[in-house]
């Protein structure tokens, strides 16, 4: 019995409709903990955030910068301090869009 759908074509459909890198950014263990922490505690500086994590400030900073590239967190600078907060609406909208895309893809496949 042959395959009903071409696996390469299905993979391409998923890659074109699902932001896999966004989810990799969120579901890294440290980044997901940072996101949960910021979602519950609001806007904070790297120093304030680092007080609650075993990683040092530079590791926390790298994770936050990475998440900022994907718009998962928002960053603003005030004087010498950099503040971060979870970009809640964008995250929820991204999950909803992904769920809708997956529903459509599952009906296509």
N, C-alpha and C. Protein backbone atom coordinates (compact mmCIF):
# COMPACT_ATOMS: atom_id res chain seq x y z
N UNK A 1 0.85 -1.19 0.00
CA UNK A 1 0.00 0.00 0.00
C UNK A 1 0.89 1.24 0.00
N UNK A 2 0.69 2.16 -0.92
CA UNK A 2 1.50 3.36 -1.03
C UNK A 2 1.05 4.43 -0.05
N UNK A 3 1.92 5.42 0.11
CA UNK A 3 1.58 6.55 0.98
C UNK A 3 0.50 7.40 0.34
N UNK A 4 -0.40 7.88 1.16
CA UNK A 4 -1.49 8.73 0.68
C UNK A 4 -0.98 10.14 0.36
N UNK A 5 0.00 10.60 1.14
CA UNK A 5 0.53 11.95 0.98
C UNK A 5 2.05 11.89 0.93
N UNK A 6 2.62 12.78 0.18
CA UNK A 6 4.07 12.90 0.07
C UNK A 6 4.63 13.51 1.36
N UNK A 7 5.48 12.77 2.11
CA UNK A 7 6.01 13.29 3.37
C UNK A 7 6.76 14.61 3.21
N UNK A 8 7.49 14.79 2.12
CA UNK A 8 8.22 16.04 1.91
C UNK A 8 7.26 17.21 1.70
N UNK A 9 6.19 16.96 0.99
CA UNK A 9 5.18 18.00 0.76
C UNK A 9 4.49 18.37 2.07
N UNK A 10 4.18 17.36 2.89
CA UNK A 10 3.55 17.62 4.20
C UNK A 10 4.49 18.42 5.10
N UNK A 11 5.77 18.03 5.11
CA UNK A 11 6.75 18.75 5.93
C UNK A 11 6.84 20.21 5.49
N UNK A 12 6.86 20.45 4.19
CA UNK A 12 6.94 21.81 3.67
C UNK A 12 5.69 22.61 4.08
N UNK A 13 4.51 22.00 4.01
CA UNK A 13 3.28 22.68 4.43
C UNK A 13 3.36 23.11 5.89
N UNK A 14 3.85 22.22 6.73
CA UNK A 14 3.97 22.54 8.16
C UNK A 14 4.99 23.65 8.37
N UNK A 15 6.16 23.53 7.73
CA UNK A 15 7.20 24.55 7.88
C UNK A 15 6.72 25.92 7.39
N UNK A 16 5.90 25.94 6.35
CA UNK A 16 5.39 27.21 5.81
C UNK A 16 4.29 27.83 6.66
N UNK A 17 3.63 27.02 7.49
CA UNK A 17 2.47 27.50 8.24
C UNK A 17 2.65 27.52 9.75
N UNK A 18 3.73 26.95 10.25
CA UNK A 18 3.98 26.90 11.69
C UNK A 18 5.36 27.50 11.94
N UNK A 19 5.44 28.45 12.85
CA UNK A 19 6.73 29.08 13.18
C UNK A 19 7.47 28.20 14.19
N UNK A 20 8.14 27.19 13.66
CA UNK A 20 8.84 26.22 14.50
C UNK A 20 9.89 26.89 15.38
N UNK A 21 10.61 27.86 14.85
CA UNK A 21 11.66 28.53 15.63
C UNK A 21 11.08 29.29 16.82
N UNK A 22 9.92 29.87 16.65
CA UNK A 22 9.23 30.54 17.75
C UNK A 22 9.01 29.55 18.90
N UNK A 23 8.51 28.37 18.57
CA UNK A 23 8.23 27.37 19.60
C UNK A 23 9.50 26.81 20.21
N UNK A 24 10.55 26.66 19.43
CA UNK A 24 11.84 26.24 19.99
C UNK A 24 12.34 27.28 20.98
N UNK A 25 12.13 28.54 20.65
CA UNK A 25 12.57 29.62 21.54
C UNK A 25 11.79 29.59 22.86
N UNK A 26 10.52 29.33 22.80
CA UNK A 26 9.69 29.32 24.01
C UNK A 26 9.93 28.07 24.86
N UNK A 27 10.09 26.92 24.21
CA UNK A 27 10.10 25.67 24.95
C UNK A 27 11.48 25.21 25.42
N UNK A 28 12.49 26.04 25.25
CA UNK A 28 13.76 25.78 25.92
C UNK A 28 13.48 25.86 27.42
N UNK A 29 14.01 24.93 28.22
CA UNK A 29 13.65 24.93 29.65
C UNK A 29 13.91 26.24 30.39
N UNK A 30 15.05 26.85 30.19
CA UNK A 30 15.34 28.11 30.89
C UNK A 30 14.45 29.23 30.38
N UNK A 31 14.30 29.31 29.07
CA UNK A 31 13.47 30.39 28.50
C UNK A 31 12.01 30.24 28.90
N UNK A 32 11.51 29.02 28.95
CA UNK A 32 10.11 28.85 29.37
C UNK A 32 9.93 29.27 30.83
N UNK A 33 10.92 28.97 31.68
CA UNK A 33 10.85 29.43 33.08
C UNK A 33 10.91 30.95 33.16
N UNK A 34 11.76 31.56 32.36
CA UNK A 34 11.83 33.03 32.33
C UNK A 34 10.50 33.63 31.88
N UNK A 35 9.90 33.03 30.86
CA UNK A 35 8.63 33.53 30.36
C UNK A 35 7.53 33.42 31.41
N UNK A 36 7.45 32.30 32.07
CA UNK A 36 6.46 32.11 33.13
C UNK A 36 6.69 33.13 34.25
N UNK A 37 7.96 33.30 34.61
CA UNK A 37 8.32 34.25 35.67
C UNK A 37 7.91 35.67 35.30
N UNK A 38 8.26 36.10 34.08
CA UNK A 38 7.92 37.46 33.66
C UNK A 38 6.41 37.64 33.50
N UNK A 39 5.73 36.60 33.05
CA UNK A 39 4.27 36.70 32.90
C UNK A 39 3.60 36.94 34.24
N UNK A 40 4.14 36.36 35.28
CA UNK A 40 3.54 36.52 36.61
C UNK A 40 4.03 37.72 37.38
N UNK A 41 5.19 38.25 37.01
CA UNK A 41 5.78 39.33 37.81
C UNK A 41 5.89 40.66 37.09
N UNK A 42 5.54 40.72 35.84
CA UNK A 42 5.58 41.99 35.11
C UNK A 42 6.99 42.39 34.70
N UNK A 43 7.12 43.65 34.38
CA UNK A 43 8.37 44.19 33.86
C UNK A 43 9.45 44.23 34.94
N UNK A 44 10.66 43.75 34.58
CA UNK A 44 11.77 43.70 35.54
C UNK A 44 13.10 43.91 34.80
N UNK A 45 14.10 44.31 35.56
CA UNK A 45 15.45 44.43 35.00
C UNK A 45 16.13 43.05 35.02
N UNK A 46 17.21 42.93 34.27
CA UNK A 46 17.97 41.67 34.26
C UNK A 46 18.46 41.34 35.67
N UNK A 47 18.92 42.34 36.37
CA UNK A 47 19.40 42.12 37.74
C UNK A 47 18.31 41.58 38.65
N UNK A 48 17.12 42.16 38.55
CA UNK A 48 16.00 41.69 39.36
C UNK A 48 15.61 40.26 38.99
N UNK A 49 15.59 39.98 37.70
CA UNK A 49 15.24 38.63 37.24
C UNK A 49 16.28 37.63 37.70
N UNK A 50 17.54 37.97 37.55
CA UNK A 50 18.64 37.05 37.87
C UNK A 50 18.66 36.64 39.34
N UNK A 51 18.11 37.46 40.21
CA UNK A 51 18.05 37.12 41.64
C UNK A 51 17.26 35.83 41.89
N UNK A 52 16.36 35.49 40.99
CA UNK A 52 15.46 34.35 41.18
C UNK A 52 15.87 33.11 40.38
N UNK A 53 17.00 33.18 39.67
CA UNK A 53 17.43 32.07 38.82
C UNK A 53 18.85 31.65 39.17
N UNK A 54 19.15 30.36 39.02
CA UNK A 54 20.50 29.89 39.35
C UNK A 54 21.55 30.33 38.31
N UNK A 55 21.12 30.66 37.10
CA UNK A 55 22.07 31.09 36.07
C UNK A 55 22.56 32.50 36.38
N UNK A 56 23.76 32.82 35.90
CA UNK A 56 24.27 34.17 36.15
C UNK A 56 23.62 35.18 35.19
N UNK A 57 23.86 36.44 35.46
CA UNK A 57 23.23 37.52 34.69
C UNK A 57 23.49 37.43 33.20
N UNK A 58 24.71 37.05 32.82
CA UNK A 58 25.03 37.01 31.39
C UNK A 58 24.23 35.92 30.68
N UNK A 59 24.01 34.80 31.33
CA UNK A 59 23.20 33.72 30.74
C UNK A 59 21.74 34.18 30.62
N UNK A 60 21.23 34.79 31.67
CA UNK A 60 19.86 35.31 31.65
C UNK A 60 19.73 36.36 30.54
N UNK A 61 20.70 37.23 30.44
CA UNK A 61 20.69 38.27 29.42
C UNK A 61 20.66 37.68 28.01
N UNK A 62 21.46 36.66 27.76
CA UNK A 62 21.47 36.01 26.44
C UNK A 62 20.11 35.39 26.11
N UNK A 63 19.50 34.73 27.09
CA UNK A 63 18.18 34.14 26.87
C UNK A 63 17.13 35.22 26.58
N UNK A 64 17.17 36.31 27.33
CA UNK A 64 16.22 37.40 27.12
C UNK A 64 16.42 38.06 25.75
N UNK A 65 17.68 38.26 25.37
CA UNK A 65 17.95 38.82 24.04
C UNK A 65 17.43 37.91 22.94
N UNK A 66 17.63 36.61 23.11
CA UNK A 66 17.15 35.64 22.14
C UNK A 66 15.62 35.71 22.03
N UNK A 67 14.95 35.74 23.17
CA UNK A 67 13.49 35.82 23.15
C UNK A 67 13.01 37.14 22.57
N UNK A 68 13.75 38.20 22.79
CA UNK A 68 13.40 39.50 22.22
C UNK A 68 13.44 39.45 20.69
N UNK A 69 14.38 38.71 20.13
CA UNK A 69 14.46 38.58 18.67
C UNK A 69 13.20 37.96 18.09
N UNK A 70 12.55 37.09 18.84
CA UNK A 70 11.31 36.45 18.39
C UNK A 70 10.07 37.18 18.89
N UNK A 71 10.25 38.33 19.53
CA UNK A 71 9.16 39.17 20.03
C UNK A 71 8.40 38.51 21.19
N UNK A 72 9.02 37.53 21.83
CA UNK A 72 8.41 36.83 22.96
C UNK A 72 8.44 37.72 24.20
N UNK A 73 9.51 38.48 24.33
CA UNK A 73 9.59 39.49 25.39
C UNK A 73 9.83 40.84 24.73
N UNK A 74 9.44 41.88 25.43
CA UNK A 74 9.70 43.24 24.97
C UNK A 74 10.75 43.86 25.87
N UNK A 75 11.59 44.65 25.27
CA UNK A 75 12.69 45.28 26.00
C UNK A 75 12.60 46.79 25.85
N UNK A 76 12.88 47.47 26.95
CA UNK A 76 12.99 48.92 26.88
C UNK A 76 14.14 49.35 27.78
N UNK A 77 14.79 50.41 27.35
CA UNK A 77 15.93 50.92 28.10
C UNK A 77 15.55 52.23 28.76
N UNK A 78 15.92 52.35 30.04
CA UNK A 78 15.69 53.58 30.78
C UNK A 78 17.00 53.89 31.51
N UNK A 79 17.70 54.90 31.01
CA UNK A 79 19.03 55.18 31.55
C UNK A 79 19.95 54.01 31.28
N UNK A 80 20.56 53.50 32.34
CA UNK A 80 21.46 52.35 32.19
C UNK A 80 20.75 51.02 32.38
N UNK A 81 19.52 51.06 32.80
CA UNK A 81 18.76 49.83 33.06
C UNK A 81 17.99 49.38 31.82
N UNK A 82 17.94 48.07 31.63
CA UNK A 82 17.14 47.47 30.56
C UNK A 82 16.04 46.66 31.23
N UNK A 83 14.81 46.93 30.84
CA UNK A 83 13.65 46.26 31.41
C UNK A 83 13.06 45.29 30.40
N UNK A 84 12.61 44.15 30.89
CA UNK A 84 11.98 43.14 30.05
C UNK A 84 10.60 42.80 30.60
N UNK A 85 9.69 42.49 29.68
CA UNK A 85 8.38 41.98 30.08
C UNK A 85 7.91 41.00 29.00
N UNK A 86 7.04 40.08 29.41
CA UNK A 86 6.48 39.12 28.48
C UNK A 86 5.56 39.84 27.50
N UNK A 87 5.65 39.48 26.26
CA UNK A 87 4.78 40.04 25.23
C UNK A 87 3.56 39.12 25.12
N UNK A 88 2.70 39.19 26.11
CA UNK A 88 1.60 38.24 26.29
C UNK A 88 0.66 38.16 25.09
N UNK A 89 0.24 39.29 24.58
CA UNK A 89 -0.71 39.28 23.47
C UNK A 89 -0.10 38.61 22.25
N UNK A 90 1.13 38.94 21.93
CA UNK A 90 1.79 38.33 20.77
C UNK A 90 1.90 36.81 20.95
N UNK A 91 2.25 36.38 22.15
CA UNK A 91 2.40 34.94 22.41
C UNK A 91 1.07 34.22 22.23
N UNK A 92 0.03 34.75 22.84
CA UNK A 92 -1.29 34.13 22.72
C UNK A 92 -1.76 34.15 21.27
N UNK A 93 -1.57 35.26 20.58
CA UNK A 93 -1.95 35.35 19.17
C UNK A 93 -1.19 34.32 18.33
N UNK A 94 0.09 34.13 18.63
CA UNK A 94 0.91 33.16 17.90
C UNK A 94 0.40 31.73 18.12
N UNK A 95 0.05 31.41 19.36
CA UNK A 95 -0.50 30.08 19.65
C UNK A 95 -1.84 29.88 18.94
N UNK A 96 -2.69 30.91 18.95
CA UNK A 96 -3.99 30.80 18.27
C UNK A 96 -3.81 30.62 16.77
N UNK A 97 -2.91 31.40 16.18
CA UNK A 97 -2.65 31.27 14.74
C UNK A 97 -2.12 29.87 14.41
N UNK A 98 -1.23 29.38 15.26
CA UNK A 98 -0.68 28.04 15.04
C UNK A 98 -1.77 26.98 15.14
N UNK A 99 -2.64 27.11 16.15
CA UNK A 99 -3.73 26.15 16.31
C UNK A 99 -4.64 26.18 15.08
N UNK A 100 -4.97 27.37 14.59
CA UNK A 100 -5.82 27.48 13.40
C UNK A 100 -5.13 26.89 12.17
N UNK A 101 -3.83 27.16 12.02
CA UNK A 101 -3.08 26.60 10.90
C UNK A 101 -3.02 25.08 10.97
N UNK A 102 -2.82 24.56 12.18
CA UNK A 102 -2.76 23.10 12.35
C UNK A 102 -4.10 22.47 12.03
N UNK A 103 -5.19 23.09 12.44
CA UNK A 103 -6.53 22.56 12.14
C UNK A 103 -6.70 22.50 10.62
N UNK A 104 -6.33 23.57 9.94
CA UNK A 104 -6.45 23.61 8.49
C UNK A 104 -5.56 22.56 7.83
N UNK A 105 -4.33 22.44 8.31
CA UNK A 105 -3.42 21.45 7.73
C UNK A 105 -3.90 20.03 7.95
N UNK A 106 -4.44 19.77 9.11
CA UNK A 106 -4.92 18.41 9.40
C UNK A 106 -6.09 18.03 8.51
N UNK A 107 -6.88 19.01 8.11
CA UNK A 107 -7.97 18.74 7.18
C UNK A 107 -7.45 18.55 5.76
N UNK A 108 -6.30 19.16 5.46
CA UNK A 108 -5.71 19.03 4.14
C UNK A 108 -5.01 17.70 3.95
N UNK A 109 -4.46 17.18 5.00
CA UNK A 109 -3.59 16.00 4.87
C UNK A 109 -4.37 14.71 4.81
